[in-house]
Amino acid sequence: MLISFYNSNSYKLWRNIILCIAISICYATSIGWIIHLEALAIALDAALTVCLLSIGSIALWNIYSYAIPDSINHLQTLSLHILYCFMCILFVVGVESIFIYVIFPKSFTSFATTLPLRAFCMTLLYIAHREYHDANKKIQEDNEDEIIEENTAVKDPIERITVKVGQKIKVILVTDLIYLKAEDDYVAFFTTEGHWLKTGTMKEFEATLPSNKFVRIHRSYIVNIDKIVKIERYGQQQQLQLTTGERIRISPNGYKILRTKLNL
């Protein structure tokens, strides 16, 4: 139960809020002390920074998870991170500047001298946040890899999946599936016609899909073996290309299982 709590979204949210409060107090106090801001200005700056960092960190976590495709190369990934970092600096430092200018106009000149330092601090926080997300993702992948190894095939695999679309029911044949992707509390089913969402977990569908046709290559992906065009190296890992042209990164353990399925 304790482990489940530590892995829960509630625990992660509270941990994020506490970290934002601690970082904001240190950030506002240290920089405010350098330029001799009055105590009230420092306190209000710290409170504002708590709100800004909380909003920014939650937004960035979702961006890291869903807005940076696995298929892009390292240069494209770096370019996106530079863009997001720049946007974070503009968001936090920009709102701070407007706040000080409106509430404490006499202190704005002194505040302006710290803008480079504030931008530098935000850059360091962005890098730390990204590294923390990557480390957390790696831990989740390792845990999912253990789950993948434990799963066994069922005797009667399903042949079709039903998805509610408005007032209608969409029937998806298993043979038409290209891949499945985890989307929070939903699973997305991708075919040549499009994709549909259904509540459930990857573990549930992994256990019911034909094990000789589908393999879980990553904590977030299950692919149809018949839809794989090729497997290629991507940095220190492997990625596969599907018949649609999409590329999906493979976890180390997922690659081992895929090789076994393909008799490589």
Foldseek 3Di string as FASTA:
>chain_A
DVVVVCVDPVVVLVVQLVVQLVVLLCVLVVLCVVLVPDPVLSVVSSVLSSVLSSVLLVVVLVCVVPVDAPQDAPVVVVVVLVVSLVVSLCRSVVVSLVVCCVPPVVCNVSVVVCSVVSSVVSSVVSVVSVVVSVVVQVVVFVVVLVVQVPADEDPAADQWDWDDDPPDIDIGGLVQFFKWFDDPQWIWTDGPVGIGIDGDAPSVNCRRHPVLQWAAFTRTMIGGPVQWDDWADGVPFIWTAGVVRDIDTGDPSSVVVSCVSVVD
